């Protein structure tokens, strides 16, 4: 992994490496950009010849009209070539974006799901959408602009030197100023300032998002933006930073703009002197007044690329950081389990940089049985379910399914063997049919049968478009309990032999909870079921109850046995009963 990071290029070289995936298209686009630069110079050169011809003692008007025709033709062909260059660069860019997004998505699919759960979804959105999209701008626009910005000035200067070396030399002066000033503007200290700028901007954006999300709570307590310290502090810090940066950058930028914006003055002064002393013709003077400073315009585009490239480079670094993450190791060969019993053997686990959450946990879950995990908050119950599904790999010990270490199963096979129903449900902006099917190769009849088993069919049928109703469309929304029933429908449709239920009725009202319990009876049939429960009344009929405390299994048995043998389970049950009987009188 470290060797991979060392091999990676950085900055513009890394961007060019990414762009090289469509090298042929980009080379063709670059050559056309050069041709466009040359052709765009032709009308100005022909204007020079026209003026020279018309200022002769005996002008050749036929030749002048021919020059005009060629100038128009060159302008038309130049625009056509420019258009074709842009098409090729955009085709290359969009193909690279497609491949890059697909590569990132494939990479994310191979990372531990625990890592994904601990990352903000906004961070992945930023990488897949914003950062990749900026690369499109670089490939589709900045590479052709860069080629043109180099080719046009060099060609122009070469032509001007062929006409008059004195005026060409003074026209060349702005290039020397650019060569000196651009490193000062974008190198050294300013490069660090650009990095600090992006960090300050990210901090401010994070503060704004947090402020917007906290707005309902702030309104309840009558608070204003001034009292939201994090938001106010990040905005003031950003404002102060930008002000300091602008003040420190002003002298160099002022010199740069003064020289480049007034580049015509020395050309005009020397040109008039040479003209009135007979050193140059009127046509030559006009040529240098037009071309002698006109070639600077593409250079302005190059000078403005510094800031854009710094933004793109930061996004590429984040993309590379994701691509360098260690993938979930696993066997590539299909393994045939003896059965679907689950065994934890001296399993210990700690999240990165934290104390151990589980400490030498051992137990066995029989095939086609129901096992419940209970215990105080933070005791390690949910971690057991995550480890069984390889959201993370154990720090020590072994987890087996059917006598085989789960690390020896290909990740795809393990996912086929396990279904999940979590506390938090997620619905896609798709039809309700697709929300149940979840990309599985199932018929519409199978989807509807799963919906019926999850007590969803009547709810969906009552909607205007039935199963083809788009979630979130026309005010169609679902309660937390109804969304959890969609999770159940997905699990029923998947029909995996092992089922993990992590407080699946957490957000259900009494009516939805009753329907979810009805769905459970279909879902758990002939399955090896692991239930992580807080409502103890839902697991009193479990075949085995494991009581967790501080990362260890402190007792196990059935409900009645634990009421007699486990003091912790007794206290939890009594608290649960009191909570159910609580009323406000």
Protein backbone atom coordinates (compact mmCIF):
# COMPACT_ATOMS: atom_id res chain seq x y z
CA UNK A 1 0.00 0.00 0.00
CA UNK A 2 2.79 2.41 0.88
CA UNK A 3 4.59 1.52 -2.34
CA UNK A 4 1.41 2.32 -4.28
CA UNK A 5 1.24 5.77 -2.68
CA UNK A 6 4.88 6.45 -3.50
CA UNK A 7 4.35 5.50 -7.16
CA UNK A 8 1.41 7.87 -7.57
CA UNK A 9 2.16 11.17 -9.28
CA UNK A 10 0.76 14.39 -7.88
CA UNK A 11 -0.49 17.73 -9.15
CA UNK A 12 -0.70 18.32 -12.90
CA UNK A 13 1.26 15.13 -13.63
CA UNK A 14 -1.42 13.09 -11.84
CA UNK A 15 -4.15 14.88 -13.80
CA UNK A 16 -2.34 14.15 -17.06
CA UNK A 17 -1.97 10.53 -15.97
CA UNK A 18 -5.75 10.33 -15.49
CA UNK A 19 -6.31 12.10 -18.81
CA UNK A 20 -4.02 9.56 -20.51
CA UNK A 21 -6.80 6.95 -20.32
CA UNK A 22 -8.06 8.49 -23.61
CA UNK A 23 -4.70 9.51 -24.98
CA UNK A 24 -5.65 9.18 -28.66
CA UNK A 25 -8.67 11.48 -28.40
CA UNK A 26 -6.75 14.05 -26.38
CA UNK A 27 -3.77 14.07 -28.77
CA UNK A 28 -6.18 14.61 -31.68
CA UNK A 29 -7.95 17.36 -29.72
CA UNK A 30 -4.59 18.99 -28.93
CA UNK A 31 -3.45 18.89 -32.56
CA UNK A 32 -6.73 20.44 -33.65
CA UNK A 33 -6.30 23.11 -30.96
CA UNK A 34 -2.87 23.93 -32.42
CA UNK A 35 -4.38 24.03 -35.91
CA UNK A 36 -7.11 26.35 -34.61
CA UNK A 37 -4.45 28.63 -33.11
CA UNK A 38 -2.60 28.80 -36.45
CA UNK A 39 -5.76 29.35 -38.47
CA UNK A 40 -6.96 32.07 -36.09
CA UNK A 41 -3.71 33.90 -36.82
CA UNK A 42 -4.22 33.76 -40.60
CA UNK A 43 -6.92 36.49 -40.89
CA UNK A 44 -4.71 38.96 -39.04
CA UNK A 45 -1.76 38.14 -41.27
CA UNK A 46 -3.94 38.55 -44.36
CA UNK A 47 -5.20 41.90 -43.07
CA UNK A 48 -1.54 42.92 -42.90
CA UNK A 49 -1.05 41.88 -46.55
CA UNK A 50 -4.27 43.65 -47.58
CA UNK A 51 -3.17 46.91 -45.95
CA UNK A 52 0.28 46.57 -47.47
CA UNK A 53 -1.24 46.00 -50.88
CA UNK A 54 -3.69 48.91 -50.60
CA UNK A 55 -0.95 51.33 -49.49
CA UNK A 56 1.15 50.70 -52.60
CA UNK A 57 1.31 53.33 -55.30
CA UNK A 58 -0.59 51.00 -57.65
CA UNK A 59 -2.76 48.68 -55.48
CA UNK A 60 -3.81 45.30 -56.84
CA UNK A 61 -7.49 45.21 -55.81
CA UNK A 62 -8.01 41.74 -57.24
CA UNK A 63 -5.28 40.38 -54.98
CA UNK A 64 -6.74 42.31 -52.02
CA UNK A 65 -10.18 40.74 -52.65
CA UNK A 66 -8.52 37.31 -52.80
CA UNK A 67 -6.87 37.97 -49.42
CA UNK A 68 -10.27 38.93 -47.98
CA UNK A 69 -11.80 35.68 -49.28
CA UNK A 70 -8.96 33.64 -47.77
CA UNK A 71 -9.31 35.50 -44.45
CA UNK A 72 -13.04 34.69 -44.23
CA UNK A 73 -12.37 31.07 -45.22
CA UNK A 74 -9.61 30.76 -42.60
CA UNK A 75 -11.92 32.19 -39.91
CA UNK A 76 -14.69 29.72 -40.80
CA UNK A 77 -12.34 26.72 -40.90
CA UNK A 78 -10.73 27.88 -37.63
CA UNK A 79 -14.10 27.87 -35.84
CA UNK A 80 -14.96 24.45 -37.30
CA UNK A 81 -11.61 23.04 -36.13
CA UNK A 82 -12.11 24.61 -32.69
CA UNK A 83 -15.56 23.01 -32.47
CA UNK A 84 -14.20 19.61 -33.47
CA UNK A 85 -11.35 19.92 -30.95
CA UNK A 86 -13.90 20.64 -28.21
CA UNK A 87 -16.03 17.65 -29.23
CA UNK A 88 -13.07 15.27 -29.03
CA UNK A 89 -11.89 16.63 -25.66
CA UNK A 90 -15.42 16.37 -24.25
CA UNK A 91 -15.82 12.80 -25.54
CA UNK A 92 -12.52 11.91 -23.87
CA UNK A 93 -13.53 13.71 -20.67
CA UNK A 94 -16.91 12.05 -20.32
CA UNK A 95 -15.46 8.62 -21.03
CA UNK A 96 -12.77 9.18 -18.41
CA UNK A 97 -15.41 10.42 -15.94
CA UNK A 98 -17.51 7.32 -16.56
CA UNK A 99 -14.54 5.01 -16.04
CA UNK A 100 -13.34 6.91 -12.98
CA UNK A 101 -16.76 6.94 -11.30
CA UNK A 102 -17.21 3.25 -12.09
CA UNK A 103 -13.73 2.49 -10.72
CA UNK A 104 -14.46 4.46 -7.53
CA UNK A 105 -17.84 2.73 -7.13
CA UNK A 106 -16.19 -0.68 -7.58
CA UNK A 107 -13.54 0.28 -5.04
CA UNK A 108 -16.17 1.40 -2.52
CA UNK A 109 -17.91 -1.95 -2.98
CA UNK A 110 -14.71 -3.73 -1.92
CA UNK A 111 -14.11 -1.64 1.21
CA UNK A 112 -15.29 -2.83 4.64
CA UNK A 113 -18.87 -1.70 5.19
CA UNK A 114 -17.91 -0.50 8.64
CA UNK A 115 -15.59 2.02 7.02
CA UNK A 116 -18.45 3.19 4.79
CA UNK A 117 -20.83 3.47 7.74
CA UNK A 118 -18.37 5.69 9.60
CA UNK A 119 -17.93 8.08 6.66
CA UNK A 120 -20.25 10.97 5.97
CA UNK A 121 -22.36 10.27 2.88
CA UNK A 122 -21.66 13.86 1.83
CA UNK A 123 -17.95 13.00 1.59
CA UNK A 124 -18.64 10.21 -0.92
CA UNK A 125 -21.02 12.45 -2.82
CA UNK A 126 -18.34 15.12 -3.04
CA UNK A 127 -15.78 12.64 -4.38
CA UNK A 128 -18.08 10.88 -6.86
CA UNK A 129 -19.80 14.04 -8.06
CA UNK A 130 -17.94 17.28 -7.38
CA UNK A 131 -14.29 16.17 -7.44
CA UNK A 132 -14.71 13.94 -10.49
CA UNK A 133 -16.72 16.66 -12.25
CA UNK A 134 -13.86 19.14 -11.83
CA UNK A 135 -11.57 16.69 -13.62
CA UNK A 136 -13.96 16.92 -16.57
CA UNK A 137 -13.36 20.67 -16.71
CA UNK A 138 -9.61 20.14 -16.77
CA UNK A 139 -9.69 17.51 -19.52
CA UNK A 140 -12.43 19.00 -21.69
CA UNK A 141 -11.44 22.67 -21.46
CA UNK A 142 -8.11 23.36 -19.80
CA UNK A 143 -5.97 20.88 -21.76
CA UNK A 144 -7.06 22.34 -25.17
CA UNK A 145 -6.82 25.88 -23.75
CA UNK A 146 -3.33 25.12 -22.46
CA UNK A 147 -2.18 23.79 -25.85
CA UNK A 148 -3.71 26.78 -27.61
CA UNK A 149 -2.28 29.16 -25.01
CA UNK A 150 1.23 27.86 -25.78
CA UNK A 151 0.95 27.43 -29.55
CA UNK A 152 -0.63 30.79 -30.43
CA UNK A 153 1.88 33.08 -28.63
CA UNK A 154 4.88 31.12 -29.92
CA UNK A 155 3.59 31.15 -33.50
CA UNK A 156 2.70 34.84 -33.28
CA UNK A 157 6.09 35.82 -31.87
CA UNK A 158 7.87 33.78 -34.55
CA UNK A 159 5.89 35.53 -37.30
CA UNK A 160 6.47 38.97 -35.79
CA UNK A 161 10.23 38.36 -35.62
CA UNK A 162 10.12 37.55 -39.34
CA UNK A 163 8.65 41.01 -40.01
CA UNK A 164 10.66 43.27 -37.66
CA UNK A 165 12.94 42.03 -34.91
CA UNK A 166 12.91 45.36 -33.02
CA UNK A 167 9.13 45.55 -32.55
CA UNK A 168 8.98 41.79 -32.00
CA UNK A 169 11.50 42.00 -29.19
CA UNK A 170 9.54 44.69 -27.35
CA UNK A 171 6.30 42.73 -27.98
CA UNK A 172 8.01 39.74 -26.35
CA UNK A 173 8.56 41.65 -23.06
CA UNK A 174 5.16 40.68 -21.49
CA UNK A 175 6.13 37.00 -21.81
CA UNK A 176 9.17 37.66 -19.67
CA UNK A 177 7.01 39.43 -17.09
CA UNK A 178 4.63 36.45 -17.04
CA UNK A 179 7.54 34.03 -16.67
CA UNK A 180 8.74 35.95 -13.61
CA UNK A 181 5.40 36.83 -11.99
CA UNK A 182 3.38 33.59 -12.31
CA UNK A 183 5.73 31.57 -10.05
CA UNK A 184 5.53 34.39 -7.51
CA UNK A 185 1.73 34.45 -7.72
CA UNK A 186 1.14 30.70 -7.47
CA UNK A 187 4.29 29.23 -5.98
CA UNK A 188 5.91 29.07 -2.56
CA UNK A 189 3.93 30.89 0.10
CA UNK A 190 0.91 31.42 -2.15
CA UNK A 191 0.67 27.67 -2.76
CA UNK A 192 0.38 27.15 0.99
CA UNK A 193 -2.15 29.98 1.17
CA UNK A 194 -4.26 28.27 -1.48
CA UNK A 195 -4.27 25.06 0.56
CA UNK A 196 -5.22 27.02 3.70
CA UNK A 197 -7.93 28.78 1.71
CA UNK A 198 -9.56 25.48 0.75
CA UNK A 199 -9.35 24.21 4.32
CA UNK A 200 -10.92 27.42 5.62
CA UNK A 201 -13.64 27.20 2.98
CA UNK A 202 -14.38 23.56 3.88
CA UNK A 203 -14.61 24.49 7.58
CA UNK A 204 -17.03 27.31 6.79
CA UNK A 205 -19.18 25.07 4.59
CA UNK A 206 -19.30 22.44 7.34
CA UNK A 207 -20.35 25.14 9.83
CA UNK A 208 -23.08 26.36 7.49
CA UNK A 209 -24.47 22.85 6.98
CA UNK A 210 -24.46 22.23 10.73
CA UNK A 211 -26.16 25.57 11.31
CA UNK A 212 -28.89 24.82 8.75
CA UNK A 213 -29.52 21.38 10.26
CA UNK A 214 -29.66 22.85 13.76
CA UNK A 215 -32.03 25.64 12.75
CA UNK A 216 -35.25 23.95 13.97
CA UNK A 217 -33.72 23.35 17.42
CA UNK A 218 -32.38 26.92 17.53
CA UNK A 219 -35.79 28.32 16.69
CA UNK A 220 -37.37 26.29 19.49
CA UNK A 221 -34.97 27.88 21.99
CA UNK A 222 -35.15 31.33 20.43
CA UNK A 223 -31.50 31.39 19.37
CA UNK A 224 -29.98 33.30 16.45
CA UNK A 225 -26.99 32.79 14.17
CA UNK A 226 -24.87 34.96 16.48
CA UNK A 227 -25.25 32.39 19.25
CA UNK A 228 -24.16 29.49 17.04
CA UNK A 229 -20.46 29.75 17.85
CA UNK A 230 -19.10 27.27 15.33
CA UNK A 231 -20.92 28.86 12.40
CA UNK A 232 -19.98 32.41 13.36
CA UNK A 233 -16.35 31.52 14.08
CA UNK A 234 -15.82 29.74 10.74
CA UNK A 235 -17.36 32.61 8.76
CA UNK A 236 -15.24 35.21 10.58
CA UNK A 237 -12.12 33.07 10.15
CA UNK A 238 -12.78 32.71 6.43
CA UNK A 239 -13.44 36.43 6.03
CA UNK A 240 -10.24 37.31 7.91
CA UNK A 241 -8.17 34.80 5.95
CA UNK A 242 -9.39 35.98 2.53
CA UNK A 243 -8.80 39.62 3.46
CA UNK A 244 -5.23 38.90 4.60
CA UNK A 245 -4.53 36.83 1.49
CA UNK A 246 -5.82 39.54 -0.88
CA UNK A 247 -3.75 42.22 0.85
CA UNK A 248 -0.59 40.10 0.67
CA UNK A 249 -1.17 39.19 -3.00
CA UNK A 250 -2.07 42.67 -4.23
CA UNK A 251 1.46 44.00 -5.01
CA UNK A 252 2.47 41.08 -7.25
CA UNK A 253 -0.92 40.96 -8.94
CA UNK A 254 -0.90 44.73 -9.52
CA UNK A 255 2.51 44.54 -11.22
CA UNK A 256 1.33 41.60 -13.32
CA UNK A 257 -1.86 43.36 -14.49
CA UNK A 258 -0.07 46.66 -15.12
CA UNK A 259 2.49 45.13 -17.43
CA UNK A 260 0.12 42.87 -19.33
CA UNK A 261 -2.77 45.36 -19.63
CA UNK A 262 -0.48 48.15 -20.90
CA UNK A 263 1.72 45.98 -23.10
CA UNK A 264 0.68 48.03 -26.15
CA UNK A 265 2.34 51.22 -24.88
CA UNK A 266 5.97 50.27 -25.55
CA UNK A 267 4.98 48.75 -28.91
CA UNK A 268 3.08 51.91 -29.82
CA UNK A 269 5.93 54.22 -28.74
CA UNK A 270 8.66 52.35 -30.62
CA UNK A 271 6.39 51.70 -33.59
CA UNK A 272 5.50 55.38 -34.06
CA UNK A 273 9.14 56.35 -33.76
CA UNK A 274 10.19 53.81 -36.39
CA UNK A 275 7.29 54.79 -38.67
CA UNK A 276 8.04 58.52 -38.63
CA UNK A 277 11.73 57.86 -39.13
CA UNK A 278 11.00 55.54 -42.04
CA UNK A 279 12.03 52.37 -40.22
CA UNK A 280 8.72 50.51 -40.76
CA UNK A 281 5.73 50.79 -43.06
CA UNK A 282 2.20 51.67 -41.96
CA UNK A 283 1.08 48.08 -42.57
CA UNK A 284 3.85 46.74 -40.32
CA UNK A 285 2.98 49.25 -37.59
CA UNK A 286 -0.69 48.24 -37.67
CA UNK A 287 0.28 44.56 -37.68
CA UNK A 288 2.26 44.95 -34.46
CA UNK A 289 -0.45 47.08 -32.83
CA UNK A 290 -2.93 44.25 -33.49
CA UNK A 291 -0.83 41.13 -33.02
CA UNK A 292 1.92 42.50 -30.81
CA UNK A 293 -0.35 42.47 -27.78
CA UNK A 294 -3.30 40.32 -28.97
CA UNK A 295 -1.42 37.10 -28.34
CA UNK A 296 -1.44 37.87 -24.59
CA UNK A 297 -5.14 37.03 -24.23
CA UNK A 298 -4.60 33.23 -24.21
CA UNK A 299 -1.86 33.77 -21.64
CA UNK A 300 -4.41 35.30 -19.27
CA UNK A 301 -6.28 31.98 -19.46
CA UNK A 302 -3.09 30.15 -18.50
CA UNK A 303 -2.42 32.52 -15.59
CA UNK A 304 -5.94 31.91 -14.23
CA UNK A 305 -5.48 28.12 -14.30
CA UNK A 306 -3.44 28.16 -11.10
CA UNK A 307 -6.40 28.53 -8.75
CA UNK A 308 -8.54 26.06 -10.69
CA UNK A 309 -5.78 23.47 -10.73
CA UNK A 310 -5.29 23.80 -6.97
CA UNK A 311 -8.98 22.99 -6.44
CA UNK A 312 -8.82 20.05 -8.85
CA UNK A 313 -5.60 18.75 -7.29
CA UNK A 314 -7.20 18.70 -3.85
CA UNK A 315 -10.11 16.65 -5.19
CA UNK A 316 -7.72 14.25 -6.94
CA UNK A 317 -5.83 13.78 -3.67
CA UNK A 318 -9.10 12.80 -1.96
CA UNK A 319 -9.94 10.42 -4.82
CA UNK A 320 -6.48 8.82 -4.54
CA UNK A 321 -6.82 8.60 -0.77
CA UNK A 322 -10.04 6.61 -1.24
CA UNK A 323 -8.50 4.41 -3.92
CA UNK A 324 -5.54 3.66 -1.63
CA UNK A 325 -7.77 2.36 1.18
CA UNK A 326 -7.16 -1.27 1.98
CA UNK A 327 -9.81 -3.52 0.50
CA UNK A 328 -11.62 -6.21 2.43
CA UNK A 329 -9.47 -9.35 1.99
CA UNK A 330 -11.23 -12.54 1.02
CA UNK A 331 -11.07 -15.79 -0.89
CA UNK A 332 -12.06 -15.77 -4.54
CA UNK A 333 -13.26 -19.38 -4.57
CA UNK A 334 -16.77 -20.45 -3.62
CA UNK A 335 -16.95 -22.32 -0.29
CA UNK A 336 -19.62 -24.89 0.50
CA UNK A 337 -20.65 -24.64 4.19
CA UNK A 338 -21.72 -27.76 6.07
CA UNK A 339 -24.76 -25.91 7.39
CA UNK A 340 -25.59 -22.38 8.58
CA UNK A 341 -24.70 -22.59 12.26
CA UNK A 342 -22.72 -19.60 13.54
CA UNK A 343 -19.73 -19.91 15.86
CA UNK A 344 -17.81 -17.14 17.65
CA UNK A 345 -14.49 -18.41 19.01
CA UNK A 346 -12.65 -16.08 21.43
CA UNK A 347 -13.56 -13.04 19.35
CA UNK A 348 -12.10 -9.68 20.39
CA UNK A 349 -12.54 -6.44 18.50
CA UNK A 350 -11.60 -2.76 18.79
CA UNK A 351 -12.43 0.08 16.44
CA UNK A 352 -9.43 1.99 15.17
CA UNK A 353 -7.77 3.93 17.94
CA UNK A 354 -10.33 2.86 20.56
CA UNK A 355 -10.52 0.41 23.43
CA UNK A 356 -11.82 -3.08 22.78
CA UNK A 357 -15.56 -3.33 22.25
CA UNK A 358 -15.61 -7.14 22.49
CA UNK A 359 -13.34 -9.23 24.70
CA UNK A 360 -12.91 -12.97 24.03
CA UNK A 361 -16.55 -13.61 23.12
CA UNK A 362 -17.48 -17.24 22.42
CA UNK A 363 -20.88 -18.74 21.62
CA UNK A 364 -22.61 -20.94 19.04
CA UNK A 365 -25.93 -20.35 17.27
CA UNK A 366 -27.66 -23.46 15.98
CA UNK A 367 -28.90 -23.58 12.40
CA UNK A 368 -32.54 -22.51 11.94
CA UNK A 369 -32.76 -21.14 15.48
CA UNK A 370 -33.53 -17.69 16.88
CA UNK A 371 -30.87 -16.07 19.05
CA UNK A 372 -31.30 -12.70 20.73
CA UNK A 373 -28.56 -10.37 21.96
CA UNK A 374 -29.50 -8.08 24.84
CA UNK A 375 -27.60 -5.83 27.19
CA UNK A 376 -26.97 -2.20 28.12
CA UNK A 377 -26.17 0.38 25.47
CA UNK A 378 -22.55 0.05 24.33
CA UNK A 379 -22.24 -3.56 25.49
CA UNK A 380 -21.21 -4.74 21.98
CA UNK A 381 -24.46 -6.23 20.64
CA UNK A 382 -24.55 -4.36 17.31
CA UNK A 383 -20.83 -4.97 16.88
CA UNK A 384 -21.49 -8.72 16.91
CA UNK A 385 -23.92 -8.35 14.02
CA UNK A 386 -21.50 -6.14 12.10
CA UNK A 387 -18.62 -8.57 12.58
CA UNK A 388 -20.76 -11.49 11.42
CA UNK A 389 -21.45 -9.60 8.18
CA UNK A 390 -17.76 -8.54 7.93
CA UNK A 391 -18.46 -4.85 8.25
CA UNK A 392 -15.15 -5.15 10.06
CA UNK A 393 -12.72 -8.00 10.56
CA UNK A 394 -12.12 -9.29 14.08
CA UNK A 395 -9.04 -8.12 15.98
CA UNK A 396 -8.58 -11.61 17.40
CA UNK A 397 -10.40 -14.93 17.30
CA UNK A 398 -12.53 -16.50 14.59
CA UNK A 399 -16.12 -16.30 13.34
CA UNK A 400 -17.35 -19.33 11.44
CA UNK A 401 -20.44 -20.05 9.35
CA UNK A 402 -20.98 -23.73 8.69
CA UNK A 403 -17.56 -24.56 10.09
CA UNK A 404 -15.73 -22.17 7.68
CA UNK A 405 -14.01 -18.96 8.72
CA UNK A 406 -16.04 -16.09 7.22
CA UNK A 407 -12.76 -14.58 5.95
CA UNK A 408 -12.43 -17.63 3.67
CA UNK A 409 -15.71 -16.87 1.90
CA UNK A 410 -15.67 -14.56 -1.13
CA UNK A 411 -17.35 -11.29 0.03
CA UNK A 412 -20.08 -11.76 -2.60
CA UNK A 413 -20.93 -15.23 -1.29
CA UNK A 414 -21.03 -13.99 2.31
CA UNK A 415 -23.43 -11.21 1.32
CA UNK A 416 -25.64 -13.79 -0.41
CA UNK A 417 -25.80 -15.82 2.80
CA UNK A 418 -26.74 -12.90 5.08
CA UNK A 419 -29.69 -10.49 5.11
CA UNK A 420 -30.02 -7.40 7.31
CA UNK A 421 -32.84 -5.36 8.75
CA UNK A 422 -31.47 -2.30 10.55
CA UNK A 423 -32.93 0.39 12.77
CA UNK A 424 -32.51 3.07 10.09
CA UNK A 425 -34.25 2.46 6.78
CA UNK A 426 -33.19 3.93 3.45
CA UNK A 427 -35.43 4.53 0.49
CA UNK A 428 -34.12 5.33 -3.00
CA UNK A 429 -35.62 7.94 -5.30
CA UNK A 430 -37.06 5.09 -7.36
CA UNK A 431 -40.39 3.36 -7.74
CA UNK A 432 -41.63 1.35 -4.78
CA UNK A 433 -41.22 -1.76 -6.94
CA UNK A 434 -37.52 -1.02 -7.49
CA UNK A 435 -37.12 -0.14 -3.81
CA UNK A 436 -38.15 -3.69 -2.94
CA UNK A 437 -36.34 -5.43 -5.80
CA UNK A 438 -33.02 -3.64 -5.08
CA UNK A 439 -31.48 -4.83 -8.35
CA UNK A 440 -32.13 -8.52 -7.59
CA UNK A 441 -33.06 -10.76 -10.50
CA UNK A 442 -36.64 -11.28 -9.38
CA UNK A 443 -39.97 -11.27 -11.22
CA UNK A 444 -42.75 -8.82 -10.47
CA UNK A 445 -44.79 -11.64 -8.97
CA UNK A 446 -41.98 -12.48 -6.54
CA UNK A 447 -41.71 -8.80 -5.57
CA UNK A 448 -45.45 -8.58 -4.91
CA UNK A 449 -45.38 -11.79 -2.86
CA UNK A 450 -42.56 -10.34 -0.74
CA UNK A 451 -44.60 -7.17 -0.26
CA UNK A 452 -47.60 -9.21 0.83
CA UNK A 453 -45.46 -11.14 3.33
CA UNK A 454 -44.15 -7.81 4.70
CA UNK A 455 -47.72 -6.49 5.08
CA UNK A 456 -47.07 -3.84 2.39
CA UNK A 457 -49.24 -4.94 -0.51
CA UNK A 458 -52.43 -3.19 0.63
CA UNK A 459 -50.54 0.02 1.39
CA UNK A 460 -48.89 0.07 -2.05
CA UNK A 461 -52.05 -0.93 -3.93
CA UNK A 462 -53.92 2.02 -2.42
CA UNK A 463 -51.48 4.50 -4.00
CA UNK A 464 -52.38 6.15 -7.35
CA UNK A 465 -49.69 4.30 -9.34
CA UNK A 466 -49.34 1.26 -7.13
CA UNK A 467 -45.92 -0.38 -7.31
CA UNK A 468 -44.87 2.16 -9.98
CA UNK A 469 -45.28 5.07 -7.55
CA UNK A 470 -42.06 7.06 -7.28
CA UNK A 471 -40.96 7.44 -3.66
CA UNK A 472 -41.18 11.09 -2.61
CA UNK A 473 -43.26 12.05 -5.68
CA UNK A 474 -46.45 14.11 -5.30
CA UNK A 475 -46.22 14.08 -1.53
CA UNK A 476 -45.89 10.27 -1.33
CA UNK A 477 -43.82 9.65 1.78
CA UNK A 478 -43.66 6.80 4.28
CA UNK A 479 -43.43 6.68 8.04
CA UNK A 480 -40.46 5.10 9.79
CA UNK A 481 -42.41 1.92 10.48
CA UNK A 482 -43.61 1.65 6.88
CA UNK A 483 -40.04 2.07 5.61
CA UNK A 484 -38.89 -0.69 7.93
CA UNK A 485 -41.48 -2.96 6.35
CA UNK A 486 -39.80 -2.24 3.00
CA UNK A 487 -36.57 -3.49 4.56
CA UNK A 488 -38.39 -6.64 5.59
CA UNK A 489 -39.76 -7.07 2.07
CA UNK A 490 -36.21 -6.83 0.67
CA UNK A 491 -34.98 -9.43 3.15
CA UNK A 492 -37.90 -11.74 2.35
CA UNK A 493 -37.21 -11.37 -1.38
CA UNK A 494 -33.49 -12.09 -0.89
CA UNK A 495 -34.32 -15.22 1.13
CA UNK A 496 -30.82 -15.58 2.61
CA UNK A 497 -30.30 -18.44 5.11
CA UNK A 498 -28.94 -16.10 7.84
CA UNK A 499 -30.87 -13.06 9.04
CA UNK A 500 -29.65 -10.22 11.29
CA UNK A 501 -32.31 -8.00 12.84
CA UNK A 502 -30.92 -4.91 14.57
CA UNK A 503 -33.84 -3.42 16.52
CA UNK A 504 -36.07 -3.67 13.46
CA UNK A 505 -39.11 -2.20 15.21
CA UNK A 506 -37.28 0.82 16.63
CA UNK A 507 -39.33 3.47 14.78
CA UNK A 508 -42.60 1.61 14.50
CA UNK A 509 -45.85 2.75 16.05
CA UNK A 510 -48.10 0.04 17.61
CA UNK A 511 -49.94 -0.60 14.34
CA UNK A 512 -46.76 -0.90 12.29
CA UNK A 513 -45.09 -2.97 15.01
CA UNK A 514 -47.96 -5.45 14.87
CA UNK A 515 -47.62 -5.72 11.08
CA UNK A 516 -43.84 -6.04 11.34
CA UNK A 517 -44.25 -8.88 13.83
CA UNK A 518 -46.59 -10.57 11.38
CA UNK A 519 -43.96 -10.17 8.66
CA UNK A 520 -41.31 -11.61 10.98
CA UNK A 521 -43.23 -14.87 11.14
CA UNK A 522 -42.74 -15.27 7.37
CA UNK A 523 -39.23 -13.86 7.29
CA UNK A 524 -37.62 -16.03 9.97
CA UNK A 525 -39.08 -19.31 8.79
CA UNK A 526 -36.27 -21.88 8.42
CA UNK A 527 -33.62 -19.19 8.95
CA UNK A 528 -30.70 -18.82 11.34
CA UNK A 529 -31.78 -15.60 13.03
CA UNK A 530 -29.76 -13.15 15.13
CA UNK A 531 -31.87 -10.48 16.83
CA UNK A 532 -30.32 -7.41 18.49
CA UNK A 533 -33.11 -6.20 20.73
CA UNK A 534 -33.90 -3.49 23.24
CA UNK A 535 -37.59 -4.29 23.60
CA UNK A 536 -37.29 -7.47 25.62
CA UNK A 537 -40.93 -8.38 25.09
CA UNK A 538 -40.13 -9.13 21.42
CA UNK A 539 -37.59 -11.88 22.19
CA UNK A 540 -39.14 -13.83 25.08
CA UNK A 541 -39.71 -16.82 22.75
CA UNK A 542 -36.14 -16.87 21.39
CA UNK A 543 -34.33 -20.21 21.42
CA UNK A 544 -31.30 -18.58 23.03
CA UNK A 545 -30.74 -15.20 24.67
CA UNK A 546 -27.17 -13.92 25.11
CA UNK A 547 -26.75 -11.19 27.72
CA UNK A 548 -23.86 -8.81 26.97
CA UNK A 549 -22.17 -6.42 29.35
CA UNK A 550 -18.96 -4.48 28.74
CA UNK A 551 -18.05 -6.50 25.66
CA UNK A 552 -18.52 -9.95 27.22
CA UNK A 553 -21.25 -12.59 27.33
CA UNK A 554 -22.15 -12.62 31.02
CA UNK A 555 -25.04 -15.11 30.83
CA UNK A 556 -27.08 -17.08 28.33
CA UNK A 557 -30.25 -19.15 28.25
CA UNK A 558 -33.96 -18.78 27.60
CA UNK A 559 -36.16 -16.03 28.99
CA UNK A 560 -37.50 -17.86 32.06
CA UNK A 561 -34.07 -19.24 32.96
CA UNK A 562 -32.43 -15.80 32.75
CA UNK A 563 -35.08 -14.23 34.97
CA UNK A 564 -33.94 -16.65 37.69
CA UNK A 565 -30.20 -16.77 37.01
CA UNK A 566 -29.11 -13.37 35.66
CA UNK A 567 -29.32 -10.30 37.84
CA UNK A 568 -28.58 -7.99 34.88
CA UNK A 569 -31.35 -9.55 32.79
CA UNK A 570 -33.76 -9.28 35.73
CA UNK A 571 -33.03 -5.55 36.07
CA UNK A 572 -33.44 -5.00 32.34
CA UNK A 573 -36.73 -6.90 32.29
CA UNK A 574 -38.11 -5.03 35.30
CA UNK A 575 -37.14 -1.69 33.71
CA UNK A 576 -38.85 -2.77 30.49
CA UNK A 577 -42.04 -3.74 32.32
CA UNK A 578 -42.09 -0.46 34.26
CA UNK A 579 -41.63 1.49 31.02
CA UNK A 580 -44.60 -0.29 29.44
CA UNK A 581 -46.78 0.45 32.45
CA UNK A 582 -45.74 4.11 32.71
CA UNK A 583 -48.62 6.58 32.36
CA UNK A 584 -49.10 10.31 32.95
CA UNK A 585 -51.97 10.79 35.36
